[in-house]
Amino acid sequence: MSKFDELREEVKKLHEENIRLDTWISTQEKSNDNHISDICKDFIQVLEAFEWAEATIHERGLDQSKISTSAIARILTAKTKLLEVLESHGVKKVEFYNGVFDPAKGQIKGSVADSEKEDGTIASIVKEGFIRNGKLLRPAEVIVVKNE
C-alpha cells in the first residue's frame, strides 16, 4: 500500500470517528434539552401555585392592609425570580395571533356565546400554555367564542 493510500485510509477512519462523535454529541444535546424542558415543566407548576395563591389573596380581600400588601409583595418576589429563570431557558407563555384559537398551541375546555366576537376567538384562558425554543411544553386551556 502506498503512502497516499495509507493517508486516505487514515482520513477515512478519522471521518468515520468524527461522524460517530457528532452523533453522540447530538444525542447528548437532545437529552440535556429534554431534561431542561422537564425541569421547566416542574417550574411551571410552581409558578401556577404562586398565581393561584395570589388570586386567592385578592379574592378574599387579604391584600387590603399595608402590612399584608408588603408581605405579599415580598413573597411574590419568588414568582418574579421564577419567571426570570424560565425566560432564561427560553420559556415563554403561548400567544395566540389576534386572539384566535390555534389547536397547535392549546385545547378548548369550553365555549361561550359573544355576539361581538367571531367564532374561534378566545374568550378566556383557563390555564396558560408554555413554549420553549419553539416547542410546546404545555398547551394552553381556553374558552372560545361559539355563536349559535
Protein backbone atom coordinates (compact mmCIF):
# COMPACT_ATOMS: atom_id res chain seq x y z
CA MET A 1 0.00 0.00 0.00
CA SER A 2 1.34 3.40 -0.95
CA LYS A 3 1.78 6.27 1.47
CA PHE A 4 -1.06 8.07 -0.28
CA ASP A 5 -3.39 5.06 0.24
CA GLU A 6 -2.40 4.90 3.92
CA LEU A 7 -3.22 8.58 4.35
CA ARG A 8 -6.52 8.15 2.54
CA GLU A 9 -7.40 5.24 4.87
CA GLU A 10 -6.43 7.28 7.94
CA VAL A 11 -8.55 10.23 6.76
CA LYS A 12 -11.47 7.84 6.17
CA LYS A 13 -11.15 6.45 9.72
CA LEU A 14 -10.96 9.95 11.19
CA HIS A 15 -14.01 10.98 9.18
CA GLU A 16 -16.00 7.97 10.46
CA GLU A 17 -14.93 8.71 14.03
CA ASN A 18 -15.94 12.34 13.56
CA ILE A 19 -19.39 11.23 12.40
CA ARG A 20 -19.75 8.93 15.44
CA LEU A 21 -18.71 11.73 17.80
CA ASP A 22 -21.04 14.19 16.11
CA THR A 23 -23.93 11.74 16.53
CA TRP A 24 -23.03 11.18 20.19
CA ILE A 25 -22.85 14.93 20.85
CA SER A 26 -26.19 15.47 19.14
CA THR A 27 -27.77 12.72 21.26
CA GLN A 28 -26.35 14.24 24.45
CA GLU A 29 -27.59 17.72 23.50
CA LYS A 30 -31.10 16.40 22.84
CA SER A 31 -31.06 14.53 26.14
CA ASN A 32 -29.93 17.65 28.02
CA ASP A 33 -32.54 19.76 26.24
CA ASN A 34 -35.27 17.27 27.19
CA HIS A 35 -34.06 17.29 30.78
CA ILE A 36 -34.17 21.10 30.91
CA SER A 37 -37.69 21.03 29.42
CA ASP A 38 -38.80 18.60 32.13
CA ILE A 39 -37.38 20.87 34.83
CA CYS A 40 -39.11 23.87 33.25
CA LYS A 41 -42.43 21.98 33.34
CA ASP A 42 -41.91 21.47 37.07
CA PHE A 43 -41.17 25.18 37.49
CA ILE A 44 -44.38 26.00 35.61
CA GLN A 45 -46.34 24.05 38.22
CA VAL A 46 -44.66 26.10 40.96
CA LEU A 47 -45.49 29.28 39.04
CA GLU A 48 -49.15 28.20 38.93
CA ALA A 49 -49.13 27.67 42.69
CA PHE A 50 -47.95 31.27 43.13
CA GLU A 51 -50.62 32.53 40.72
CA TRP A 52 -53.34 30.52 42.48
CA ALA A 53 -52.22 31.90 45.86
CA GLU A 54 -52.10 35.44 44.50
CA ALA A 55 -55.62 35.14 43.04
CA THR A 56 -56.92 33.69 46.33
CA ILE A 57 -55.39 36.57 48.29
CA HIS A 58 -57.11 39.11 46.04
CA GLU A 59 -60.45 37.25 46.01
CA ARG A 60 -60.56 37.09 49.80
CA GLY A 61 -59.52 40.69 50.21
CA LEU A 62 -56.40 39.78 52.14
CA ASP A 63 -54.45 42.46 50.32
CA GLN A 64 -56.21 45.41 51.91
CA SER A 65 -53.77 46.43 54.63
CA LYS A 66 -50.36 47.98 54.12
CA ILE A 67 -48.70 45.19 56.11
CA SER A 68 -50.31 42.39 54.08
CA THR A 69 -49.59 44.16 50.79
CA SER A 70 -45.93 44.45 51.75
CA ALA A 71 -45.73 40.79 52.79
CA ILE A 72 -47.44 39.67 49.61
CA ALA A 73 -45.02 41.71 47.51
CA ARG A 74 -42.04 40.06 49.20
CA ILE A 75 -43.49 36.60 48.69
CA LEU A 76 -44.23 37.30 45.04
CA THR A 77 -40.58 38.23 44.51
CA ALA A 78 -40.03 34.47 44.28
CA LYS A 79 -42.61 34.32 41.48
CA THR A 80 -40.75 37.06 39.61
CA LYS A 81 -37.45 35.22 40.01
CA LEU A 82 -39.07 32.02 38.79
CA LEU A 83 -40.33 33.80 35.68
CA GLU A 84 -36.80 35.11 35.06
CA VAL A 85 -35.34 31.60 35.35
CA LEU A 86 -37.91 30.22 32.92
CA GLU A 87 -37.26 33.03 30.48
CA SER A 88 -33.50 32.48 30.67
CA HIS A 89 -34.14 28.93 29.46
CA GLY A 90 -36.27 30.07 26.53
CA VAL A 91 -39.68 29.51 28.14
CA LYS A 92 -42.47 31.87 27.11
CA LYS A 93 -46.23 31.91 27.51
CA VAL A 94 -48.16 30.73 24.48
CA GLU A 95 -49.56 33.62 22.49
CA PHE A 96 -52.47 33.41 20.09
CA TYR A 97 -52.27 35.59 17.00
CA ASN A 98 -55.11 38.14 17.06
CA GLY A 99 -56.72 36.22 19.92
CA VAL A 100 -57.76 33.38 17.60
CA PHE A 101 -57.51 29.81 18.91
CA ASP A 102 -54.77 27.66 17.36
CA PRO A 103 -55.13 23.90 18.04
CA ALA A 104 -51.35 23.51 17.77
CA LYS A 105 -50.98 25.66 20.89
CA GLY A 106 -53.92 24.73 23.07
CA GLN A 107 -57.02 22.81 23.97
CA ILE A 108 -60.59 24.04 24.07
CA LYS A 109 -62.12 23.49 27.50
CA GLY A 110 -65.44 25.16 26.79
CA SER A 111 -67.28 27.79 24.79
CA VAL A 112 -69.39 30.87 25.35
CA ALA A 113 -71.60 32.97 23.11
CA ASP A 114 -70.46 36.52 22.39
CA SER A 115 -72.17 38.30 19.51
CA GLU A 116 -69.44 40.93 19.44
CA LYS A 117 -66.69 38.39 18.66
CA GLU A 118 -66.12 35.87 15.89
CA ASP A 119 -66.31 32.12 16.44
CA GLY A 120 -62.94 30.67 17.44
CA THR A 121 -61.84 33.83 19.22
CA ILE A 122 -60.50 33.16 22.69
CA ALA A 123 -62.90 34.42 25.36
CA SER A 124 -60.63 33.49 28.27
CA ILE A 125 -57.59 31.44 29.17
CA VAL A 126 -58.24 28.81 31.83
CA LYS A 127 -54.62 27.66 32.01
CA GLU A 128 -51.65 29.33 30.40
CA GLY A 129 -49.69 27.36 27.84
CA PHE A 130 -45.91 27.50 27.53
CA ILE A 131 -43.38 27.01 24.77
CA ARG A 132 -39.64 26.56 24.97
CA ASN A 133 -37.44 27.28 21.99
CA GLY A 134 -40.39 26.85 19.66
CA LYS A 135 -41.56 23.55 21.19
CA LEU A 136 -44.81 23.30 23.11
CA LEU A 137 -44.13 22.41 26.75
CA ARG A 138 -47.74 22.58 27.81
CA PRO A 139 -50.81 23.50 25.77
CA ALA A 140 -53.00 26.37 26.87
CA GLU A 141 -56.52 25.58 28.01
CA VAL A 142 -59.03 28.09 26.67
CA ILE A 143 -62.66 29.03 26.44
CA VAL A 144 -63.58 30.06 22.89
CA VAL A 145 -66.42 32.03 21.40
CA LYS A 146 -69.05 29.89 19.72
CA ASN A 147 -72.13 31.70 18.50
CA GLU A 148 -75.10 29.54 17.53
